[in-house]
C-alpha atoms as a PDB file:
ATOM      1  CA  MET A   1     -13.439  33.411  18.605  1.00  0.00           C
ATOM      2  CA  ASN A   2      -9.760  33.354  19.498  1.00  0.00           C
ATOM      3  CA  LEU A   3      -7.646  34.129  16.431  1.00  0.00           C
ATOM      4  CA  VAL A   4      -4.411  34.709  18.337  1.00  0.00           C
ATOM      5  CA  ALA A   5      -3.100  31.139  17.957  1.00  0.00           C
ATOM      6  CA  PRO A   6      -3.606  30.871  14.156  1.00  0.00           C
ATOM      7  CA  ILE A   7      -2.067  34.306  13.585  1.00  0.00           C
ATOM      8  CA  LEU A   8       0.955  33.556  15.779  1.00  0.00           C
ATOM      9  CA  VAL A   9       1.518  30.220  14.044  1.00  0.00           C
ATOM     10  CA  PHE A  10       1.247  31.870  10.630  1.00  0.00           C
ATOM     11  CA  VAL A  11       3.711  34.673  11.402  1.00  0.00           C
ATOM     12  CA  PHE A  12       6.144  32.395  13.232  1.00  0.00           C
ATOM     13  CA  LEU A  13       6.435  29.922  10.342  1.00  0.00           C
ATOM     14  CA  LEU A  14       6.241  32.513   7.583  1.00  0.00           C
ATOM     15  CA  ALA A  15       9.369  34.360   8.779  1.00  0.00           C
ATOM     16  CA  PRO A  16      11.918  31.587   8.054  1.00  0.00           C
ATOM     17  CA  GLY A  17      10.026  30.772   4.865  1.00  0.00           C
ATOM     18  CA  ILE A  18      10.476  34.283   3.525  1.00  0.00           C
ATOM     19  CA  ARG A  19      14.132  34.251   4.542  1.00  0.00           C
ATOM     20  CA  LEU A  20      14.819  30.980   2.728  1.00  0.00           C
ATOM     21  CA  LEU A  21      12.921  32.008  -0.406  1.00  0.00           C
ATOM     22  CA  ALA A  22      14.847  35.291  -0.497  1.00  0.00           C
ATOM     23  CA  LEU A  23      18.073  33.305  -0.171  1.00  0.00           C
ATOM     24  CA  ALA A  24      16.950  30.950  -2.946  1.00  0.00           C
ATOM     25  CA  ARG A  25      16.403  33.934  -5.218  1.00  0.00           C
ATOM     26  CA  LYS A  26      20.034  34.939  -4.686  1.00  0.00           C
ATOM     27  CA  THR A  27      21.699  31.535  -4.771  1.00  0.00           C
ATOM     28  CA  ARG A  28      19.396  29.810  -7.287  1.00  0.00           C
ATOM     29  CA  GLN A  29      19.849  26.650  -5.211  1.00  0.00           C
ATOM     30  CA  ALA A  30      17.153  23.984  -4.795  1.00  0.00           C
ATOM     31  CA  PRO A  31      17.562  23.291  -1.023  1.00  0.00           C
ATOM     32  CA  GLU A  32      16.775  26.900  -0.101  1.00  0.00           C
ATOM     33  CA  LEU A  33      13.761  26.853  -2.425  1.00  0.00           C
ATOM     34  CA  TRP A  34      12.369  23.592  -1.023  1.00  0.00           C
ATOM     35  CA  GLY A  35      13.024  24.730   2.544  1.00  0.00           C
ATOM     36  CA  GLY A  36      11.223  28.005   1.911  1.00  0.00           C
ATOM     37  CA  LEU A  37       8.260  26.198   0.346  1.00  0.00           C
ATOM     38  CA  TYR A  38       8.085  23.916   3.376  1.00  0.00           C
ATOM     39  CA  PHE A  39       7.716  26.832   5.777  1.00  0.00           C
ATOM     40  CA  LEU A  40       5.354  28.667   3.431  1.00  0.00           C
ATOM     41  CA  GLY A  41       3.093  25.621   3.173  1.00  0.00           C
ATOM     42  CA  ALA A  42       3.308  24.926   6.904  1.00  0.00           C
ATOM     43  CA  SER A  43       2.479  28.535   7.798  1.00  0.00           C
ATOM     44  CA  PHE A  44      -0.752  28.479   5.794  1.00  0.00           C
ATOM     45  CA  GLY A  45      -1.533  24.826   6.474  1.00  0.00           C
ATOM     46  CA  ILE A  46      -1.172  24.694  10.244  1.00  0.00           C
ATOM     47  CA  SER A  47      -2.683  28.129  10.943  1.00  0.00           C
ATOM     48  CA  LEU A  48      -5.737  27.462   8.756  1.00  0.00           C
ATOM     49  CA  ARG A  49      -6.226  23.974  10.215  1.00  0.00           C
ATOM     50  CA  VAL A  50      -6.079  25.456  13.735  1.00  0.00           C
ATOM     51  CA  PHE A  51      -8.609  28.110  12.708  1.00  0.00           C
ATOM     52  CA  GLY A  52     -10.828  25.497  11.055  1.00  0.00           C
ATOM     53  CA  ALA A  53     -10.883  23.385  14.195  1.00  0.00           C
ATOM     54  CA  SER A  54     -11.864  26.348  16.381  1.00  0.00           C
ATOM     55  CA  ALA A  55     -14.507  27.684  13.959  1.00  0.00           C
ATOM     56  CA  GLN A  56     -16.257  24.460  12.995  1.00  0.00           C
ATOM     57  CA  PHE A  57     -19.286  25.134  15.223  1.00  0.00           C
ATOM     58  CA  ASP A  58     -19.560  28.934  14.976  1.00  0.00           C
ATOM     59  CA  MET A  59     -18.628  29.323  11.293  1.00  0.00           C
ATOM     60  CA  PRO A  60     -18.955  25.917   9.582  1.00  0.00           C
ATOM     61  CA  GLU A  61     -18.584  27.207   6.020  1.00  0.00           C
ATOM     62  CA  ALA A  62     -15.493  29.267   6.855  1.00  0.00           C
ATOM     63  CA  ALA A  63     -14.094  26.320   8.795  1.00  0.00           C
ATOM     64  CA  LEU A  64     -14.585  24.029   5.784  1.00  0.00           C
ATOM     65  CA  LEU A  65     -12.801  26.457   3.463  1.00  0.00           C
ATOM     66  CA  ALA A  66      -9.979  27.042   5.937  1.00  0.00           C
ATOM     67  CA  ASN A  67      -9.486  23.322   6.507  1.00  0.00           C
ATOM     68  CA  SER A  68      -9.484  22.644   2.760  1.00  0.00           C
ATOM     69  CA  ILE A  69      -6.822  25.271   2.066  1.00  0.00           C
ATOM     70  CA  GLY A  70      -4.967  24.099   5.153  1.00  0.00           C
ATOM     71  CA  HIS A  71      -4.787  20.538   3.831  1.00  0.00           C
ATOM     72  CA  VAL A  72      -3.360  21.835   0.534  1.00  0.00           C
ATOM     73  CA  GLY A  73      -0.824  23.973   2.394  1.00  0.00           C
ATOM     74  CA  LEU A  74       0.326  21.087   4.585  1.00  0.00           C
ATOM     75  CA  ALA A  75       0.562  18.784   1.577  1.00  0.00           C
ATOM     76  CA  THR A  76       2.704  21.344  -0.263  1.00  0.00           C
ATOM     77  CA  GLY A  77       4.916  21.898   2.767  1.00  0.00           C
ATOM     78  CA  THR A  78       5.517  18.249   3.576  1.00  0.00           C
ATOM     79  CA  VAL A  79       6.251  17.344  -0.054  1.00  0.00           C
ATOM     80  CA  ALA A  80       8.740  20.214  -0.102  1.00  0.00           C
ATOM     81  CA  MET A  81      10.317  18.901   3.111  1.00  0.00           C
ATOM     82  CA  ALA A  82      10.854  15.487   1.503  1.00  0.00           C
ATOM     83  CA  SER A  83      12.537  17.136  -1.492  1.00  0.00           C
ATOM     84  CA  PHE A  84      14.611  19.371   0.804  1.00  0.00           C
ATOM     85  CA  THR A  85      15.891  16.395   2.801  1.00  0.00           C
ATOM     86  CA  GLN A  86      16.738  14.442  -0.326  1.00  0.00           C
ATOM     87  CA  ARG A  87      18.614  17.380  -1.880  1.00  0.00           C
ATOM     88  CA  VAL A  88      20.566  18.232   1.286  1.00  0.00           C
ATOM     89  CA  PHE A  89      21.521  14.759   2.505  1.00  0.00           C
ATOM     90  CA  HIS A  90      21.259  12.426  -0.521  1.00  0.00           C
ATOM     91  CA  GLN A  91      21.635  14.558  -3.612  1.00  0.00           C
ATOM     92  CA  GLU A  92      23.106  11.771  -5.741  1.00  0.00           C
ATOM     93  CA  SER A  93      21.135   8.868  -4.289  1.00  0.00           C
ATOM     94  CA  GLY A  94      18.685   7.256  -6.689  1.00  0.00           C
ATOM     95  CA  ARG A  95      16.934   5.469  -3.831  1.00  0.00           C
ATOM     96  CA  ALA A  96      16.417   8.707  -1.920  1.00  0.00           C
ATOM     97  CA  LYS A  97      15.031  10.405  -5.028  1.00  0.00           C
ATOM     98  CA  THR A  98      12.615   7.538  -5.558  1.00  0.00           C
ATOM     99  CA  PHE A  99      11.589   7.571  -1.901  1.00  0.00           C
ATOM    100  CA  ALA A 100      10.934  11.324  -1.995  1.00  0.00           C
ATOM    101  CA  ARG A 101       8.869  10.998  -5.178  1.00  0.00           C
ATOM    102  CA  VAL A 102       6.816   8.071  -3.876  1.00  0.00           C
ATOM    103  CA  LEU A 103       6.237   9.877  -0.586  1.00  0.00           C
ATOM    104  CA  GLY A 104       5.208  13.058  -2.394  1.00  0.00           C
ATOM    105  CA  SER A 105       2.830  11.119  -4.643  1.00  0.00           C
ATOM    106  CA  GLY A 106       1.276   9.411  -1.623  1.00  0.00           C
ATOM    107  CA  ILE A 107       0.730  12.735   0.137  1.00  0.00           C
ATOM    108  CA  ALA A 108      -0.801  14.244  -3.010  1.00  0.00           C
ATOM    109  CA  VAL A 109      -3.157  11.299  -3.565  1.00  0.00           C
ATOM    110  CA  THR A 110      -4.365  11.091   0.044  1.00  0.00           C
ATOM    111  CA  THR A 111      -4.843  14.868   0.194  1.00  0.00           C
ATOM    112  CA  LEU A 112      -6.898  14.733  -3.003  1.00  0.00           C
ATOM    113  CA  TRP A 113      -8.900  11.864  -1.489  1.00  0.00           C
ATOM    114  CA  THR A 114      -9.580  14.031   1.568  1.00  0.00           C
ATOM    115  CA  LEU A 115     -10.706  17.013  -0.496  1.00  0.00           C
ATOM    116  CA  VAL A 116     -12.705  15.303  -3.230  1.00  0.00           C
ATOM    117  CA  GLY A 117     -14.176  12.623  -0.989  1.00  0.00           C
ATOM    118  CA  GLY A 118     -15.712  15.155   1.393  1.00  0.00           C
ATOM    119  CA  HIS A 119     -13.591  14.125   4.383  1.00  0.00           C
ATOM    120  CA  VAL A 120     -12.121  17.535   5.170  1.00  0.00           C
ATOM    121  CA  MET A 121     -14.010  17.980   8.435  1.00  0.00           C
ATOM    122  CA  VAL A 122     -13.963  14.311   9.446  1.00  0.00           C
ATOM    123  CA  GLU A 123     -10.727  13.917  11.392  1.00  0.00           C
ATOM    124  CA  ASN A 124     -11.224  10.201  12.060  1.00  0.00           C
ATOM    125  CA  SER A 125     -11.896   9.317   8.426  1.00  0.00           C
ATOM    126  CA  ALA A 126      -9.547   6.925   6.641  1.00  0.00           C
ATOM    127  CA  ALA A 127      -8.581   9.683   4.184  1.00  0.00           C
ATOM    128  CA  VAL A 128      -7.527  12.216   6.831  1.00  0.00           C
ATOM    129  CA  ILE A 129      -5.751   9.601   8.936  1.00  0.00           C
ATOM    130  CA  SER A 130      -3.878   8.334   5.868  1.00  0.00           C
ATOM    131  CA  THR A 131      -2.705  11.741   4.742  1.00  0.00           C
ATOM    132  CA  ASN A 132      -1.835  12.836   8.294  1.00  0.00           C
ATOM    133  CA  THR A 133       0.255   9.686   8.698  1.00  0.00           C
ATOM    134  CA  LEU A 134       2.154  10.278   5.470  1.00  0.00           C
ATOM    135  CA  ARG A 135       2.772  13.936   6.336  1.00  0.00           C
ATOM    136  CA  ILE A 136       4.713  12.915   9.439  1.00  0.00           C
ATOM    137  CA  VAL A 137       7.231  10.924   7.396  1.00  0.00           C
ATOM    138  CA  PRO A 138       9.095  13.854   5.700  1.00  0.00           C
ATOM    139  CA  THR A 139       9.832  15.662   8.972  1.00  0.00           C
ATOM    140  CA  ALA A 140      10.748  12.382  10.681  1.00  0.00           C
ATOM    141  CA  TRP A 141      13.108  11.624   7.804  1.00  0.00           C
ATOM    142  CA  ALA A 142      14.614  15.107   8.118  1.00  0.00           C
ATOM    143  CA  PHE A 143      15.133  14.550  11.843  1.00  0.00           C
ATOM    144  CA  PHE A 144      16.879  11.215  11.274  1.00  0.00           C
ATOM    145  CA  GLU A 145      19.238  12.587   8.637  1.00  0.00           C
ATOM    146  CA  SER A 146      19.987  15.825  10.474  1.00  0.00           C
ATOM    147  CA  PHE A 147      20.637  14.139  13.819  1.00  0.00           C
ATOM    148  CA  ARG A 148      22.891  11.580  12.164  1.00  0.00           C
ATOM    149  CA  TYR A 149      24.805  14.331  10.354  1.00  0.00           C
ATOM    150  CA  TRP A 150      25.102  16.394  13.553  1.00  0.00           C
ATOM    151  CA  ARG A 151      26.712  13.451  15.360  1.00  0.00           C
ATOM    152  CA  ALA A 152      29.190  12.971  12.508  1.00  0.00           C
ATOM    153  CA  MET A 153      30.090  16.685  12.427  1.00  0.00           C
ATOM    154  CA  LYS A 154      30.454  16.761  16.200  1.00  0.00           C
ATOM    155  CA  LYS A 155      33.128  14.066  15.950  1.00  0.00           C
ATOM    156  CA  ARG A 156      34.880  16.008  13.192  1.00  0.00           C
ATOM    157  CA  GLY A 157      34.667  19.146  15.290  1.00  0.00           C
ATOM    158  CA  ALA A 158      36.727  17.474  17.982  1.00  0.00           C
ATOM    159  CA  LEU A 159      39.544  17.424  15.415  1.00  0.00           C
ATOM    160  CA  GLY A 160      38.915  20.963  14.231  1.00  0.00           C
ATOM    161  CA  LEU A 161      37.420  19.738  10.945  1.00  0.00           C
ATOM    162  CA  ALA A 162      33.912  21.178  11.269  1.00  0.00           C
ATOM    163  CA  ASP A 163      32.506  24.664  11.797  1.00  0.00           C
ATOM    164  CA  PRO A 164      30.892  24.680  15.270  1.00  0.00           C
ATOM    165  CA  VAL A 165      28.113  27.065  14.175  1.00  0.00           C
ATOM    166  CA  VAL A 166      27.121  24.870  11.233  1.00  0.00           C
ATOM    167  CA  THR A 167      27.305  21.802  13.468  1.00  0.00           C
ATOM    168  CA  ASN A 168      25.038  23.491  15.986  1.00  0.00           C
ATOM    169  CA  ARG A 169      22.510  24.352  13.270  1.00  0.00           C
ATOM    170  CA  PHE A 170      22.171  20.686  12.401  1.00  0.00           C
ATOM    171  CA  LEU A 171      21.380  20.041  16.068  1.00  0.00           C
ATOM    172  CA  LEU A 172      18.810  22.851  16.105  1.00  0.00           C
ATOM    173  CA  TRP A 173      17.227  21.523  12.913  1.00  0.00           C
ATOM    174  CA  SER A 174      17.084  18.077  14.534  1.00  0.00           C
ATOM    175  CA  ILE A 175      15.208  19.512  17.514  1.00  0.00           C
ATOM    176  CA  TRP A 176      12.751  21.376  15.283  1.00  0.00           C
ATOM    177  CA  THR A 177      12.010  18.429  13.001  1.00  0.00           C
ATOM    178  CA  ALA A 178      11.669  16.124  16.003  1.00  0.00           C
ATOM    179  CA  GLY A 179       9.138  18.499  17.535  1.00  0.00           C
ATOM    180  CA  VAL A 180       7.015  18.874  14.409  1.00  0.00           C
ATOM    181  CA  SER A 181       7.038  15.086  14.042  1.00  0.00           C
ATOM    182  CA  ILE A 182       6.176  14.283  17.655  1.00  0.00           C
ATOM    183  CA  MET A 183       3.179  16.624  17.912  1.00  0.00           C
ATOM    184  CA  PRO A 184       1.146  15.327  14.945  1.00  0.00           C
ATOM    185  CA  ALA A 185       2.220  11.748  15.699  1.00  0.00           C
ATOM    186  CA  LEU A 186       0.890  12.094  19.244  1.00  0.00           C
ATOM    187  CA  ALA A 187      -2.388  13.579  18.032  1.00  0.00           C
ATOM    188  CA  LEU A 188      -2.734  10.790  15.486  1.00  0.00           C
ATOM    189  CA  ALA A 189      -1.979   8.095  18.063  1.00  0.00           C
ATOM    190  CA  ILE A 190      -4.611   9.478  20.442  1.00  0.00           C
ATOM    191  CA  ARG A 191      -7.200   9.636  17.673  1.00  0.00           C
ATOM    192  CA  LEU A 192      -6.492   6.059  16.611  1.00  0.00           C
ATOM    193  CA  ALA A 193      -6.584   4.823  20.201  1.00  0.00           C
ATOM    194  CA  ALA A 194      -9.937   6.516  20.736  1.00  0.00           C
ATOM    195  CA  MET A 195     -11.345   4.938  17.581  1.00  0.00           C
ATOM    196  CA  VAL A 196     -10.227   1.465  18.671  1.00  0.00           C
ATOM    197  CA  LEU A 197     -10.867   1.599  22.418  1.00  0.00           C
ATOM    198  CA  LEU A 198     -13.922   3.764  22.994  1.00  0.00           C
ATOM    199  CA  PRO A 199     -16.428   1.594  21.070  1.00  0.00           C
ATOM    200  CA  ASP A 200     -15.317  -1.417  23.133  1.00  0.00           C
ATOM    201  CA  LEU A 201     -15.740   0.233  26.525  1.00  0.00           C
ATOM    202  CA  GLY A 202     -19.493  -0.212  26.795  1.00  0.00           C
ATOM    203  CA  ASN A 203     -20.607   3.415  26.936  1.00  0.00           C
ATOM    204  CA  PRO A 204     -18.302   5.430  24.631  1.00  0.00           C
ATOM    205  CA  SER A 205     -19.487   8.817  25.879  1.00  0.00           C
ATOM    206  CA  GLU A 206     -18.970   7.822  29.507  1.00  0.00           C
ATOM    207  CA  ALA A 207     -15.576   6.321  28.716  1.00  0.00           C
ATOM    208  CA  GLN A 208     -14.583   9.459  26.853  1.00  0.00           C
ATOM    209  CA  ALA A 209     -15.613  11.614  29.812  1.00  0.00           C
ATOM    210  CA  THR A 210     -13.497   9.398  32.051  1.00  0.00           C
ATOM    211  CA  TYR A 211     -10.330   9.141  29.980  1.00  0.00           C
ATOM    212  CA  GLN A 212     -10.281  12.399  28.020  1.00  0.00           C
ATOM    213  CA  PRO A 213      -9.130  14.585  30.974  1.00  0.00           C
ATOM    214  CA  GLN A 214      -6.246  12.181  31.638  1.00  0.00           C
ATOM    215  CA  ILE A 215      -5.277  12.096  27.981  1.00  0.00           C
ATOM    216  CA  MET A 216      -5.455  15.877  27.612  1.00  0.00           C
ATOM    217  CA  ALA A 217      -3.353  16.345  30.742  1.00  0.00           C
ATOM    218  CA  PHE A 218      -0.672  14.110  29.240  1.00  0.00           C
ATOM    219  CA  VAL A 219      -0.870  15.926  25.899  1.00  0.00           C
ATOM    220  CA  ARG A 220      -0.484  19.323  27.575  1.00  0.00           C
ATOM    221  CA  VAL A 221       2.619  18.173  29.437  1.00  0.00           C
ATOM    222  CA  VAL A 222       4.186  16.879  26.224  1.00  0.00           C
ATOM    223  CA  PHE A 223       3.301  20.055  24.342  1.00  0.00           C
ATOM    224  CA  LEU A 224       4.657  22.252  27.143  1.00  0.00           C
ATOM    225  CA  VAL A 225       8.026  20.555  26.646  1.00  0.00           C
ATOM    226  CA  VAL A 226       8.054  20.018  22.879  1.00  0.00           C
ATOM    227  CA  VAL A 227       6.593  23.309  21.649  1.00  0.00           C
ATOM    228  CA  PRO A 228       8.944  25.715  23.502  1.00  0.00           C
ATOM    229  CA  ALA A 229      11.995  23.591  22.648  1.00  0.00           C
ATOM    230  CA  SER A 230      10.999  23.508  18.974  1.00  0.00           C
ATOM    231  CA  VAL A 231      10.262  27.230  18.829  1.00  0.00           C
ATOM    232  CA  VAL A 232      13.563  28.186  20.467  1.00  0.00           C
ATOM    233  CA  ALA A 233      15.506  25.801  18.212  1.00  0.00           C
ATOM    234  CA  LEU A 234      13.940  27.234  15.055  1.00  0.00           C
ATOM    235  CA  MET A 235      14.569  30.832  16.082  1.00  0.00           C
ATOM    236  CA  LEU A 236      18.199  30.098  16.993  1.00  0.00           C
ATOM    237  CA  ALA A 237      18.686  28.303  13.680  1.00  0.00           C
ATOM    238  CA  PHE A 238      17.367  31.147  11.500  1.00  0.00           C
ATOM    239  CA  PHE A 239      17.642  34.262  13.654  1.00  0.00           C
ATOM    240  CA  PRO A 240      20.482  33.607  16.134  1.00  0.00           C
ATOM    241  CA  PRO A 241      21.585  36.514  18.366  1.00  0.00           C
ATOM    242  CA  ARG A 242      25.212  37.504  17.960  1.00  0.00           C
ATOM    243  CA  SER A 243      25.865  36.535  21.553  1.00  0.00           C
ATOM    244  CA  TYR A 244      24.622  33.016  20.856  1.00  0.00           C
ATOM    245  CA  VAL A 245      26.839  32.612  17.772  1.00  0.00           C
ATOM    246  CA  ALA A 246      29.810  33.996  19.712  1.00  0.00           C
ATOM    247  CA  ARG A 247      29.183  31.541  22.519  1.00  0.00           C
ATOM    248  CA  ILE A 248      29.017  28.592  20.089  1.00  0.00           C
ATOM    249  CA  ARG A 249      32.279  29.678  18.459  1.00  0.00           C
ATOM    250  CA  GLY A 250      33.840  30.359  21.851  1.00  0.00           C
ATOM    251  CA  ALA A 251      32.963  26.883  23.070  1.00  0.00           C
ATOM    252  CA  ASP A 252      35.188  25.607  20.310  1.00  0.00           C
ATOM    253  CA  GLY A 253      38.113  27.798  21.261  1.00  0.00           C
ATOM    254  CA  THR A 254      40.149  25.018  22.820  1.00  0.00           C
ATOM    255  CA  VAL A 255      39.629  22.555  20.004  1.00  0.00           C
ATOM    256  CA  PRO A 256      42.891  21.820  18.153  1.00  0.00           C
ATOM    257  CA  ARG A 257      42.953  22.935  14.551  1.00  0.00           C
ATOM    258  CA  ALA A 258      43.819  20.567  11.741  1.00  0.00           C
ATOM    259  CA  ALA A 259      47.241  21.009  10.199  1.00  0.00           C
END
């Protein structure tokens, strides 16, 4: 069994989580705490779900346990992401607070439905599809807010009113949150399409054999673009080389400063 992918995912997502939680301990600020919890939950959730998918035939009991813990980890991470986005972009907004709470409650309820209802290993069940759908919303919301804020700061930067490094980090966060929204959304769309189309194509197994290679080829192309871009963006956001930071600051060297 190949454990390389789950381990790499775990380590990759755990690193920024530890950094943010360490920062939260110093600053005592909620955004750092929620951001750290997002990465902590995602590191356990995604890696264990990947392991569960690969071990379901060889080690069904271990796969069930891994998937169960993975669902809890993803639920924790995505709820934290909703709270992070609300605190960073709409700290005083009552509507945003309500939206984050409703979204968090929906994720908690559908995750509980998945666990208690025995749907953990049934990816096309209503419970798993519901909770997977809701878990996309926090990262999509974070992408929308971050991209919008990056555009606003870029305009201010033209007048020397915004730090170019901070502005760039909003762009990098936009790329990361877009990537982690696109990948599960694509997987969900394919699963839903298969559920709707395959039963109506006469011989589902024959239709699957015909269309699955085409679908997987498309998925691989998308992942080959999205995954590297997301990984690079996250690393540059949290662990930027000095040369990269210097280049971002240098690119702003000709921008006029505000009086």
